[in-house]
């Protein structure tokens, strides 16, 4: 069995309203993302909030899917966030209190199938 190491996604800036930031590959249908971690970095001159959701495939962002709720990140600070286990087709969605203020980097995660 070959082991392939790759980046889950390239860095992205959080928008001002909830949007898809990453989708767990839907093929094969048994894919699961485990031990995911992202780093949120505030690149602006003021504190900005960040919100993240782990949404099941074909669902919408709602309070029941939120795992980081309007957490304030200070100027120039970073926050490491563990992602819940996500299945094939699930989406990581999120937004910031101000567009293009928070940059998200993938720090860890393993795709199993």
PDB file of N, CA and C in Angstrom:
ATOM      1  N   UNK A   1       0.840  -1.177   0.000  1.00  0.00           N
ATOM      2  CA  UNK A   1       0.000   0.000   0.000  1.00  0.00           C
ATOM      3  C   UNK A   1       0.885   1.241   0.000  1.00  0.00           C
ATOM      4  N   UNK A   2       0.655   2.108  -0.947  1.00  0.00           N
ATOM      5  CA  UNK A   2       1.442   3.330  -1.062  1.00  0.00           C
ATOM      6  C   UNK A   2       0.882   4.414  -0.147  1.00  0.00           C
ATOM      7  N   UNK A   3       1.772   5.203   0.400  1.00  0.00           N
ATOM      8  CA  UNK A   3       1.384   6.325   1.245  1.00  0.00           C
ATOM      9  C   UNK A   3       1.665   7.603   0.477  1.00  0.00           C
ATOM     10  N   UNK A   4       0.645   8.437   0.311  1.00  0.00           N
ATOM     11  CA  UNK A   4       0.796   9.705  -0.391  1.00  0.00           C
ATOM     12  C   UNK A   4       0.521  10.835   0.581  1.00  0.00           C
ATOM     13  N   UNK A   5       1.473  11.765   0.688  1.00  0.00           N
ATOM     14  CA  UNK A   5       1.303  12.918   1.561  1.00  0.00           C
ATOM     15  C   UNK A   5       1.049  14.135   0.690  1.00  0.00           C
ATOM     16  N   UNK A   6      -0.037  14.839   0.988  1.00  0.00           N
ATOM     17  CA  UNK A   6      -0.363  16.034   0.220  1.00  0.00           C
ATOM     18  C   UNK A   6      -1.079  17.041   1.108  1.00  0.00           C
ATOM     19  N   UNK A   7      -1.089  18.262   0.663  1.00  0.00           N
ATOM     20  CA  UNK A   7      -1.771  19.335   1.383  1.00  0.00           C
ATOM     21  C   UNK A   7      -3.267  19.206   1.153  1.00  0.00           C
ATOM     22  N   UNK A   8      -4.070  19.336   2.220  1.00  0.00           N
ATOM     23  CA  UNK A   8      -5.524  19.240   2.065  1.00  0.00           C
ATOM     24  C   UNK A   8      -6.069  20.408   1.262  1.00  0.00           C
ATOM     25  N   UNK A   9      -5.584  21.624   1.566  1.00  0.00           N
ATOM     26  CA  UNK A   9      -6.004  22.811   0.820  1.00  0.00           C
ATOM     27  C   UNK A   9      -4.964  23.907   0.988  1.00  0.00           C
ATOM     28  N   UNK A  10      -4.956  24.848   0.055  1.00  0.00           N
ATOM     29  CA  UNK A  10      -4.037  25.978   0.133  1.00  0.00           C
ATOM     30  C   UNK A  10      -4.618  27.029   1.082  1.00  0.00           C
ATOM     31  N   UNK A  11      -3.782  27.914   1.619  1.00  0.00           N
ATOM     32  CA  UNK A  11      -4.290  28.944   2.524  1.00  0.00           C
ATOM     33  C   UNK A  11      -5.421  29.748   1.873  1.00  0.00           C
ATOM     34  N   UNK A  12      -6.382  30.132   2.708  1.00  0.00           N
ATOM     35  CA  UNK A  12      -7.546  30.870   2.222  1.00  0.00           C
ATOM     36  C   UNK A  12      -7.912  31.941   3.241  1.00  0.00           C
ATOM     37  N   UNK A  13      -8.403  33.075   2.749  1.00  0.00           N
ATOM     38  CA  UNK A  13      -8.889  34.121   3.647  1.00  0.00           C
ATOM     39  C   UNK A  13     -10.384  33.921   3.852  1.00  0.00           C
ATOM     40  N   UNK A  14     -10.811  34.036   5.108  1.00  0.00           N
ATOM     41  CA  UNK A  14     -12.220  33.862   5.411  1.00  0.00           C
ATOM     42  C   UNK A  14     -13.023  35.040   4.867  1.00  0.00           C
ATOM     43  N   UNK A  15     -14.162  34.748   4.230  1.00  0.00           N
ATOM     44  CA  UNK A  15     -15.042  35.809   3.732  1.00  0.00           C
ATOM     45  C   UNK A  15     -15.882  36.389   4.878  1.00  0.00           C
ATOM     46  N   UNK A  16     -16.714  37.376   4.577  1.00  0.00           N
ATOM     47  CA  UNK A  16     -17.554  38.029   5.585  1.00  0.00           C
ATOM     48  C   UNK A  16     -18.873  37.290   5.826  1.00  0.00           C
ATOM     49  N   UNK A  17     -19.184  36.287   5.007  1.00  0.00           N
ATOM     50  CA  UNK A  17     -20.378  35.472   5.244  1.00  0.00           C
ATOM     51  C   UNK A  17     -19.997  34.008   5.011  1.00  0.00           C
ATOM     52  N   UNK A  18     -20.733  33.095   5.627  1.00  0.00           N
ATOM     53  CA  UNK A  18     -20.394  31.675   5.581  1.00  0.00           C
ATOM     54  C   UNK A  18     -20.235  31.166   4.156  1.00  0.00           C
ATOM     55  N   UNK A  19     -19.091  30.529   3.898  1.00  0.00           N
ATOM     56  CA  UNK A  19     -18.796  29.974   2.584  1.00  0.00           C
ATOM     57  C   UNK A  19     -17.996  28.689   2.764  1.00  0.00           C
ATOM     58  N   UNK A  20     -18.018  27.838   1.744  1.00  0.00           N
ATOM     59  CA  UNK A  20     -17.264  26.590   1.772  1.00  0.00           C
ATOM     60  C   UNK A  20     -15.768  26.898   1.682  1.00  0.00           C
ATOM     61  N   UNK A  21     -15.009  26.364   2.629  1.00  0.00           N
ATOM     62  CA  UNK A  21     -13.559  26.544   2.664  1.00  0.00           C
ATOM     63  C   UNK A  21     -12.828  25.270   2.257  1.00  0.00           C
ATOM     64  N   UNK A  22     -13.462  24.119   2.506  1.00  0.00           N
ATOM     65  CA  UNK A  22     -12.877  22.817   2.154  1.00  0.00           C
ATOM     66  C   UNK A  22     -13.992  21.786   2.100  1.00  0.00           C
ATOM     67  N   UNK A  23     -13.888  20.855   1.143  1.00  0.00           N
ATOM     68  CA  UNK A  23     -14.821  19.741   1.039  1.00  0.00           C
ATOM     69  C   UNK A  23     -14.035  18.442   1.111  1.00  0.00           C
ATOM     70  N   UNK A  24     -14.442  17.548   1.999  1.00  0.00           N
ATOM     71  CA  UNK A  24     -13.815  16.228   2.086  1.00  0.00           C
ATOM     72  C   UNK A  24     -14.132  15.497   0.780  1.00  0.00           C
ATOM     73  N   UNK A  25     -13.118  14.905   0.128  1.00  0.00           N
ATOM     74  CA  UNK A  25     -13.387  14.211  -1.137  1.00  0.00           C
ATOM     75  C   UNK A  25     -14.526  13.202  -1.000  1.00  0.00           C
ATOM     76  N   UNK A  26     -15.406  13.190  -1.984  1.00  0.00           N
ATOM     77  CA  UNK A  26     -16.579  12.313  -1.953  1.00  0.00           C
ATOM     78  C   UNK A  26     -16.284  10.914  -2.484  1.00  0.00           C
ATOM     79  N   UNK A  27     -15.135  10.757  -3.125  1.00  0.00           N
ATOM     80  CA  UNK A  27     -14.755   9.460  -3.681  1.00  0.00           C
ATOM     81  C   UNK A  27     -13.417   9.045  -3.087  1.00  0.00           C
ATOM     82  N   UNK A  28     -13.300   7.860  -2.523  1.00  0.00           N
ATOM     83  CA  UNK A  28     -14.385   6.904  -2.345  1.00  0.00           C
ATOM     84  C   UNK A  28     -15.354   7.360  -1.259  1.00  0.00           C
ATOM     85  N   UNK A  29     -16.522   6.806  -1.265  1.00  0.00           N
ATOM     86  CA  UNK A  29     -17.572   7.207  -0.340  1.00  0.00           C
ATOM     87  C   UNK A  29     -17.280   6.894   1.120  1.00  0.00           C
ATOM     88  N   UNK A  30     -16.212   6.149   1.366  1.00  0.00           N
ATOM     89  CA  UNK A  30     -15.835   5.798   2.739  1.00  0.00           C
ATOM     90  C   UNK A  30     -14.786   6.754   3.314  1.00  0.00           C
ATOM     91  N   UNK A  31     -14.429   7.810   2.590  1.00  0.00           N
ATOM     92  CA  UNK A  31     -13.395   8.748   3.044  1.00  0.00           C
ATOM     93  C   UNK A  31     -13.811   9.437   4.340  1.00  0.00           C
ATOM     94  N   UNK A  32     -12.851   9.537   5.265  1.00  0.00           N
ATOM     95  CA  UNK A  32     -13.057  10.228   6.536  1.00  0.00           C
ATOM     96  C   UNK A  32     -11.832  11.093   6.805  1.00  0.00           C
ATOM     97  N   UNK A  33     -12.057  12.348   7.205  1.00  0.00           N
ATOM     98  CA  UNK A  33     -10.979  13.239   7.630  1.00  0.00           C
ATOM     99  C   UNK A  33     -10.866  13.142   9.146  1.00  0.00           C
ATOM    100  N   UNK A  34      -9.692  12.751   9.636  1.00  0.00           N
ATOM    101  CA  UNK A  34      -9.429  12.630  11.079  1.00  0.00           C
ATOM    102  C   UNK A  34      -8.241  13.515  11.431  1.00  0.00           C
ATOM    103  N   UNK A  35      -8.219  13.951  12.675  1.00  0.00           N
ATOM    104  CA  UNK A  35      -7.097  14.728  13.218  1.00  0.00           C
ATOM    105  C   UNK A  35      -6.812  15.995  12.423  1.00  0.00           C
ATOM    106  N   UNK A  36      -7.856  16.611  11.882  1.00  0.00           N
ATOM    107  CA  UNK A  36      -7.689  17.857  11.145  1.00  0.00           C
ATOM    108  C   UNK A  36      -7.406  19.018  12.092  1.00  0.00           C
ATOM    109  N   UNK A  37      -6.569  19.913  11.651  1.00  0.00           N
ATOM    110  CA  UNK A  37      -6.251  21.110  12.438  1.00  0.00           C
ATOM    111  C   UNK A  37      -5.964  22.252  11.473  1.00  0.00           C
ATOM    112  N   UNK A  38      -6.504  23.422  11.789  1.00  0.00           N
ATOM    113  CA  UNK A  38      -6.246  24.616  10.995  1.00  0.00           C
ATOM    114  C   UNK A  38      -5.700  25.712  11.908  1.00  0.00           C
ATOM    115  N   UNK A  39      -4.984  26.641  11.319  1.00  0.00           N
ATOM    116  CA  UNK A  39      -4.503  27.823  12.044  1.00  0.00           C
ATOM    117  C   UNK A  39      -5.172  29.047  11.432  1.00  0.00           C
ATOM    118  N   UNK A  40      -5.818  29.835  12.289  1.00  0.00           N
ATOM    119  CA  UNK A  40      -6.449  31.086  11.874  1.00  0.00           C
ATOM    120  C   UNK A  40      -5.546  32.221  12.328  1.00  0.00           C
ATOM    121  N   UNK A  41      -5.160  33.104  11.403  1.00  0.00           N
ATOM    122  CA  UNK A  41      -4.259  34.206  11.715  1.00  0.00           C
ATOM    123  C   UNK A  41      -4.904  35.526  11.328  1.00  0.00           C
ATOM    124  N   UNK A  42      -4.933  36.444  12.280  1.00  0.00           N
ATOM    125  CA  UNK A  42      -5.471  37.781  12.030  1.00  0.00           C
ATOM    126  C   UNK A  42      -4.350  38.643  11.453  1.00  0.00           C
ATOM    127  N   UNK A  43      -4.536  39.098  10.228  1.00  0.00           N
ATOM    128  CA  UNK A  43      -3.512  39.888   9.535  1.00  0.00           C
ATOM    129  C   UNK A  43      -3.871  41.365   9.475  1.00  0.00           C
ATOM    130  N   UNK A  44      -4.788  41.804  10.355  1.00  0.00           N
ATOM    131  CA  UNK A  44      -5.227  43.201  10.330  1.00  0.00           C
ATOM    132  C   UNK A  44      -4.793  43.927  11.603  1.00  0.00           C
ATOM    133  N   UNK A  45      -5.165  45.195  11.689  1.00  0.00           N
ATOM    134  CA  UNK A  45      -4.766  46.044  12.816  1.00  0.00           C
ATOM    135  C   UNK A  45      -5.781  46.071  13.953  1.00  0.00           C
ATOM    136  N   UNK A  46      -6.775  45.197  13.923  1.00  0.00           N
ATOM    137  CA  UNK A  46      -7.771  45.154  14.996  1.00  0.00           C
ATOM    138  C   UNK A  46      -8.247  43.734  15.227  1.00  0.00           C
ATOM    139  N   UNK A  47      -8.828  43.473  16.380  1.00  0.00           N
ATOM    140  CA  UNK A  47      -9.366  42.145  16.679  1.00  0.00           C
ATOM    141  C   UNK A  47     -10.513  41.819  15.722  1.00  0.00           C
ATOM    142  N   UNK A  48     -10.591  40.555  15.300  1.00  0.00           N
ATOM    143  CA  UNK A  48     -11.627  40.104  14.370  1.00  0.00           C
ATOM    144  C   UNK A  48     -12.139  38.744  14.851  1.00  0.00           C
ATOM    145  N   UNK A  49     -13.444  38.517  14.747  1.00  0.00           N
ATOM    146  CA  UNK A  49     -14.011  37.226  15.131  1.00  0.00           C
ATOM    147  C   UNK A  49     -13.972  36.244  13.967  1.00  0.00           C
ATOM    148  N   UNK A  50     -13.945  34.960  14.326  1.00  0.00           N
ATOM    149  CA  UNK A  50     -13.986  33.888  13.327  1.00  0.00           C
ATOM    150  C   UNK A  50     -14.998  32.848  13.771  1.00  0.00           C
ATOM    151  N   UNK A  51     -15.723  32.297  12.791  1.00  0.00           N
ATOM    152  CA  UNK A  51     -16.718  31.254  13.037  1.00  0.00           C
ATOM    153  C   UNK A  51     -16.491  30.134  12.029  1.00  0.00           C
ATOM    154  N   UNK A  52     -16.517  28.864  12.500  1.00  0.00           N
ATOM    155  CA  UNK A  52     -16.333  27.708  11.622  1.00  0.00           C
ATOM    156  C   UNK A  52     -17.430  26.682  11.867  1.00  0.00           C
ATOM    157  N   UNK A  53     -17.834  26.002  10.786  1.00  0.00           N
ATOM    158  CA  UNK A  53     -18.857  24.963  10.821  1.00  0.00           C
ATOM    159  C   UNK A  53     -18.327  23.696  10.157  1.00  0.00           C
ATOM    160  N   UNK A  54     -18.716  22.537  10.667  1.00  0.00           N
ATOM    161  CA  UNK A  54     -18.484  21.244  10.017  1.00  0.00           C
ATOM    162  C   UNK A  54     -19.854  20.754   9.571  1.00  0.00           C
ATOM    163  N   UNK A  55     -20.152  20.972   8.305  1.00  0.00           N
ATOM    164  CA  UNK A  55     -21.483  20.666   7.780  1.00  0.00           C
ATOM    165  C   UNK A  55     -21.507  19.322   7.066  1.00  0.00           C
ATOM    166  N   UNK A  56     -22.515  18.515   7.379  1.00  0.00           N
ATOM    167  CA  UNK A  56     -22.700  17.251   6.679  1.00  0.00           C
ATOM    168  C   UNK A  56     -22.968  17.530   5.206  1.00  0.00           C
ATOM    169  N   UNK A  57     -22.637  16.570   4.360  1.00  0.00           N
ATOM    170  CA  UNK A  57     -22.859  16.716   2.920  1.00  0.00           C
ATOM    171  C   UNK A  57     -24.280  17.172   2.647  1.00  0.00           C
ATOM    172  N   UNK A  58     -24.424  18.150   1.775  1.00  0.00           N
ATOM    173  CA  UNK A  58     -25.715  18.678   1.325  1.00  0.00           C
ATOM    174  C   UNK A  58     -26.530  19.322   2.441  1.00  0.00           C
ATOM    175  N   UNK A  59     -25.887  19.762   3.519  1.00  0.00           N
ATOM    176  CA  UNK A  59     -26.616  20.467   4.576  1.00  0.00           C
ATOM    177  C   UNK A  59     -26.190  21.936   4.587  1.00  0.00           C
ATOM    178  N   UNK A  60     -26.816  22.711   5.433  1.00  0.00           N
ATOM    179  CA  UNK A  60     -26.491  24.132   5.543  1.00  0.00           C
ATOM    180  C   UNK A  60     -25.855  24.412   6.897  1.00  0.00           C
ATOM    181  N   UNK A  61     -25.130  25.512   6.981  1.00  0.00           N
ATOM    182  CA  UNK A  61     -24.509  25.903   8.239  1.00  0.00           C
ATOM    183  C   UNK A  61     -25.587  26.310   9.235  1.00  0.00           C
ATOM    184  N   UNK A  62     -25.504  25.751  10.437  1.00  0.00           N
ATOM    185  CA  UNK A  62     -26.472  26.037  11.502  1.00  0.00           C
ATOM    186  C   UNK A  62     -25.766  25.896  12.842  1.00  0.00           C
ATOM    187  N   UNK A  63     -26.407  26.357  13.888  1.00  0.00           N
ATOM    188  CA  UNK A  63     -25.811  26.315  15.227  1.00  0.00           C
ATOM    189  C   UNK A  63     -25.357  24.909  15.615  1.00  0.00           C
ATOM    190  N   UNK A  64     -26.094  23.894  15.214  1.00  0.00           N
ATOM    191  CA  UNK A  64     -25.738  22.520  15.548  1.00  0.00           C
ATOM    192  C   UNK A  64     -24.477  22.022  14.873  1.00  0.00           C
ATOM    193  N   UNK A  65     -24.020  22.709  13.836  1.00  0.00           N
ATOM    194  CA  UNK A  65     -22.803  22.316  13.107  1.00  0.00           C
ATOM    195  C   UNK A  65     -21.607  23.194  13.471  1.00  0.00           C
ATOM    196  N   UNK A  66     -21.835  24.212  14.291  1.00  0.00           N
ATOM    197  CA  UNK A  66     -20.787  25.188  14.617  1.00  0.00           C
ATOM    198  C   UNK A  66     -19.844  24.621  15.675  1.00  0.00           C
ATOM    199  N   UNK A  67     -18.532  24.675  15.416  1.00  0.00           N
ATOM    200  CA  UNK A  67     -17.571  24.221  16.410  1.00  0.00           C
ATOM    201  C   UNK A  67     -16.606  25.327  16.831  1.00  0.00           C
ATOM    202  N   UNK A  68     -16.725  26.501  16.224  1.00  0.00           N
ATOM    203  CA  UNK A  68     -15.980  27.693  16.648  1.00  0.00           C
ATOM    204  C   UNK A  68     -16.923  28.866  16.428  1.00  0.00           C
ATOM    205  N   UNK A  69     -17.418  29.443  17.502  1.00  0.00           N
ATOM    206  CA  UNK A  69     -18.472  30.444  17.393  1.00  0.00           C
ATOM    207  C   UNK A  69     -17.993  31.837  17.766  1.00  0.00           C
ATOM    208  N   UNK A  70     -17.794  32.670  16.763  1.00  0.00           N
ATOM    209  CA  UNK A  70     -17.456  34.087  16.936  1.00  0.00           C
ATOM    210  C   UNK A  70     -16.340  34.310  17.958  1.00  0.00           C
ATOM    211  N   UNK A  71     -15.266  33.567  17.810  1.00  0.00           N
ATOM    212  CA  UNK A  71     -14.114  33.717  18.695  1.00  0.00           C
ATOM    213  C   UNK A  71     -13.258  34.873  18.191  1.00  0.00           C
ATOM    214  N   UNK A  72     -12.929  35.788  19.093  1.00  0.00           N
ATOM    215  CA  UNK A  72     -12.138  36.960  18.740  1.00  0.00           C
ATOM    216  C   UNK A  72     -10.654  36.599  18.669  1.00  0.00           C
ATOM    217  N   UNK A  73     -10.015  37.013  17.586  1.00  0.00           N
ATOM    218  CA  UNK A  73      -8.578  36.789  17.405  1.00  0.00           C
ATOM    219  C   UNK A  73      -7.916  38.162  17.374  1.00  0.00           C
ATOM    220  N   UNK A  74      -6.984  38.381  18.275  1.00  0.00           N
ATOM    221  CA  UNK A  74      -6.325  39.678  18.417  1.00  0.00           C
ATOM    222  C   UNK A  74      -5.451  40.001  17.209  1.00  0.00           C
ATOM    223  N   UNK A  75      -5.110  41.262  17.075  1.00  0.00           N
ATOM    224  CA  UNK A  75      -4.235  41.737  16.006  1.00  0.00           C
ATOM    225  C   UNK A  75      -2.950  40.917  15.948  1.00  0.00           C
ATOM    226  N   UNK A  76      -2.637  40.368  14.789  1.00  0.00           N
ATOM    227  CA  UNK A  76      -1.399  39.621  14.592  1.00  0.00           C
ATOM    228  C   UNK A  76      -1.341  38.276  15.293  1.00  0.00           C
ATOM    229  N   UNK A  77      -2.398  37.867  15.964  1.00  0.00           N
ATOM    230  CA  UNK A  77      -2.409  36.599  16.700  1.00  0.00           C
ATOM    231  C   UNK A  77      -2.912  35.454  15.829  1.00  0.00           C
ATOM    232  N   UNK A  78      -2.598  34.238  16.274  1.00  0.00           N
ATOM    233  CA  UNK A  78      -3.068  33.024  15.602  1.00  0.00           C
ATOM    234  C   UNK A  78      -3.814  32.158  16.592  1.00  0.00           C
ATOM    235  N   UNK A  79      -4.731  31.361  16.073  1.00  0.00           N
ATOM    236  CA  UNK A  79      -5.502  30.428  16.876  1.00  0.00           C
ATOM    237  C   UNK A  79      -5.509  29.092  16.155  1.00  0.00           C
ATOM    238  N   UNK A  80      -5.024  28.027  16.818  1.00  0.00           N
ATOM    239  CA  UNK A  80      -5.078  26.686  16.249  1.00  0.00           C
ATOM    240  C   UNK A  80      -6.383  26.035  16.665  1.00  0.00           C
ATOM    241  N   UNK A  81      -7.065  25.429  15.689  1.00  0.00           N
ATOM    242  CA  UNK A  81      -8.390  24.848  15.931  1.00  0.00           C
ATOM    243  C   UNK A  81      -8.408  23.412  15.411  1.00  0.00           C
ATOM    244  N   UNK A  82      -8.811  22.476  16.281  1.00  0.00           N
ATOM    245  CA  UNK A  82      -8.988  21.089  15.865  1.00  0.00           C
ATOM    246  C   UNK A  82     -10.332  20.948  15.168  1.00  0.00           C
ATOM    247  N   UNK A  83     -10.343  20.213  14.056  1.00  0.00           N
ATOM    248  CA  UNK A  83     -11.577  19.975  13.308  1.00  0.00           C
ATOM    249  C   UNK A  83     -12.243  18.697  13.796  1.00  0.00           C
ATOM    250  N   UNK A  84     -13.568  18.669  13.824  1.00  0.00           N
ATOM    251  CA  UNK A  84     -14.240  17.413  14.146  1.00  0.00           C
ATOM    252  C   UNK A  84     -14.020  16.404  13.019  1.00  0.00           C
ATOM    253  N   UNK A  85     -14.243  15.135  13.308  1.00  0.00           N
ATOM    254  CA  UNK A  85     -14.166  14.118  12.264  1.00  0.00           C
ATOM    255  C   UNK A  85     -15.212  14.434  11.206  1.00  0.00           C
ATOM    256  N   UNK A  86     -14.799  14.355   9.944  1.00  0.00           N
ATOM    257  CA  UNK A  86     -15.707  14.689   8.841  1.00  0.00           C
ATOM    258  C   UNK A  86     -15.711  13.545   7.833  1.00  0.00           C
ATOM    259  N   UNK A  87     -16.894  13.294   7.243  1.00  0.00           N
ATOM    260  CA  UNK A  87     -17.071  12.198   6.292  1.00  0.00           C
ATOM    261  C   UNK A  87     -17.023  12.694   4.844  1.00  0.00           C
ATOM    262  N   UNK A  88     -17.025  11.751   3.923  1.00  0.00           N
ATOM    263  CA  UNK A  88     -17.011  12.054   2.490  1.00  0.00           C
ATOM    264  C   UNK A  88     -18.114  13.042   2.140  1.00  0.00           C
ATOM    265  N   UNK A  89     -17.758  14.117   1.457  1.00  0.00           N
ATOM    266  CA  UNK A  89     -18.722  15.119   1.016  1.00  0.00           C
ATOM    267  C   UNK A  89     -19.036  16.200   2.037  1.00  0.00           C
ATOM    268  N   UNK A  90     -18.601  16.026   3.289  1.00  0.00           N
ATOM    269  CA  UNK A  90     -18.827  17.056   4.303  1.00  0.00           C
ATOM    270  C   UNK A  90     -18.018  18.300   3.959  1.00  0.00           C
ATOM    271  N   UNK A  91     -18.483  19.459   4.423  1.00  0.00           N
ATOM    272  CA  UNK A  91     -17.787  20.706   4.113  1.00  0.00           C
ATOM    273  C   UNK A  91     -17.384  21.453   5.386  1.00  0.00           C
ATOM    274  N   UNK A  92     -16.238  22.094   5.297  1.00  0.00           N
ATOM    275  CA  UNK A  92     -15.777  23.032   6.315  1.00  0.00           C
ATOM    276  C   UNK A  92     -16.171  24.403   5.788  1.00  0.00           C
ATOM    277  N   UNK A  93     -17.027  25.092   6.539  1.00  0.00           N
ATOM    278  CA  UNK A  93     -17.465  26.424   6.142  1.00  0.00           C
ATOM    279  C   UNK A  93     -17.100  27.395   7.242  1.00  0.00           C
ATOM    280  N   UNK A  94     -16.973  28.659   6.862  1.00  0.00           N
ATOM    281  CA  UNK A  94     -16.664  29.645   7.881  1.00  0.00           C
ATOM    282  C   UNK A  94     -16.715  31.057   7.353  1.00  0.00           C
ATOM    283  N   UNK A  95     -16.546  31.989   8.307  1.00  0.00           N
ATOM    284  CA  UNK A  95     -16.508  33.403   7.955  1.00  0.00           C
ATOM    285  C   UNK A  95     -15.815  34.175   9.070  1.00  0.00           C
ATOM    286  N   UNK A  96     -15.434  35.396   8.746  1.00  0.00           N
ATOM    287  CA  UNK A  96     -14.804  36.293   9.711  1.00  0.00           C
ATOM    288  C   UNK A  96     -15.689  37.523   9.889  1.00  0.00           C
ATOM    289  N   UNK A  97     -15.477  38.229  10.989  1.00  0.00           N
ATOM    290  CA  UNK A  97     -16.235  39.446  11.258  1.00  0.00           C
ATOM    291  C   UNK A  97     -15.957  40.528  10.237  1.00  0.00           C
ATOM    292  N   UNK A  98     -14.853  40.409   9.533  1.00  0.00           N
ATOM    293  CA  UNK A  98     -14.470  41.350   8.484  1.00  0.00           C
ATOM    294  C   UNK A  98     -13.763  40.555   7.388  1.00  0.00           C
ATOM    295  N   UNK A  99     -14.210  40.709   6.150  1.00  0.00           N
ATOM    296  CA  UNK A  99     -13.642  39.952   5.030  1.00  0.00           C
ATOM    297  C   UNK A  99     -12.149  40.197   4.883  1.00  0.00           C
ATOM    298  N   UNK A 100     -11.439  39.169   4.449  1.00  0.00           N
ATOM    299  CA  UNK A 100     -10.001  39.177   4.178  1.00  0.00           C
ATOM    300  C   UNK A 100      -9.160  39.626   5.372  1.00  0.00           C
ATOM    301  N   UNK A 101      -9.633  39.358   6.577  1.00  0.00           N
ATOM    302  CA  UNK A 101      -8.897  39.711   7.793  1.00  0.00           C
ATOM    303  C   UNK A 101      -8.254  38.501   8.455  1.00  0.00           C
ATOM    304  N   UNK A 102      -8.843  37.319   8.254  1.00  0.00           N
ATOM    305  CA  UNK A 102      -8.363  36.086   8.870  1.00  0.00           C
ATOM    306  C   UNK A 102      -7.919  35.128   7.771  1.00  0.00           C
ATOM    307  N   UNK A 103      -6.676  34.670   7.858  1.00  0.00           N
ATOM    308  CA  UNK A 103      -6.157  33.687   6.912  1.00  0.00           C
ATOM    309  C   UNK A 103      -6.150  32.325   7.588  1.00  0.00           C
ATOM    310  N   UNK A 104      -6.638  31.303   6.875  1.00  0.00           N
ATOM    311  CA  UNK A 104      -6.685  29.943   7.406  1.00  0.00           C
ATOM    312  C   UNK A 104      -5.691  29.062   6.671  1.00  0.00           C
ATOM    313  N   UNK A 105      -4.845  28.379   7.451  1.00  0.00           N
ATOM    314  CA  UNK A 105      -3.873  27.427   6.913  1.00  0.00           C
ATOM    315  C   UNK A 105      -4.207  26.034   7.433  1.00  0.00           C
ATOM    316  N   UNK A 106      -4.027  25.045   6.596  1.00  0.00           N
ATOM    317  CA  UNK A 106      -4.157  23.646   7.011  1.00  0.00           C
ATOM    318  C   UNK A 106      -2.873  23.275   7.738  1.00  0.00           C
ATOM    319  N   UNK A 107      -3.007  22.731   8.956  1.00  0.00           N
ATOM    320  CA  UNK A 107      -1.830  22.358   9.752  1.00  0.00           C
ATOM    321  C   UNK A 107      -1.665  20.847   9.844  1.00  0.00           C
ATOM    322  N   UNK A 108      -2.771  20.109   9.823  1.00  0.00           N
ATOM    323  CA  UNK A 108      -2.719  18.653   9.942  1.00  0.00           C
ATOM    324  C   UNK A 108      -4.033  18.067   9.478  1.00  0.00           C
ATOM    325  N   UNK A 109      -4.015  16.787   9.232  1.00  0.00           N
ATOM    326  CA  UNK A 109      -5.223  16.057   8.860  1.00  0.00           C
ATOM    327  C   UNK A 109      -4.868  14.833   8.051  1.00  0.00           C
ATOM    328  N   UNK A 110      -5.606  13.767   8.281  1.00  0.00           N
ATOM    329  CA  UNK A 110      -5.375  12.520   7.570  1.00  0.00           C
ATOM    330  C   UNK A 110      -6.692  12.078   6.946  1.00  0.00           C
ATOM    331  N   UNK A 111      -6.626  11.769   5.661  1.00  0.00           N
ATOM    332  CA  UNK A 111      -7.794  11.221   4.960  1.00  0.00           C
ATOM    333  C   UNK A 111      -7.683   9.704   4.954  1.00  0.00           C
ATOM    334  N   UNK A 112      -8.666   9.042   5.535  1.00  0.00           N
ATOM    335  CA  UNK A 112      -8.739   7.584   5.555  1.00  0.00           C
ATOM    336  C   UNK A 112      -9.877   7.154   4.635  1.00  0.00           C
ATOM    337  N   UNK A 113      -9.733   5.965   4.064  1.00  0.00           N
ATOM    338  CA  UNK A 113     -10.854   5.412   3.292  1.00  0.00           C
ATOM    339  C   UNK A 113     -10.865   3.904   3.428  1.00  0.00           C
TER     340      UNK A 113
END
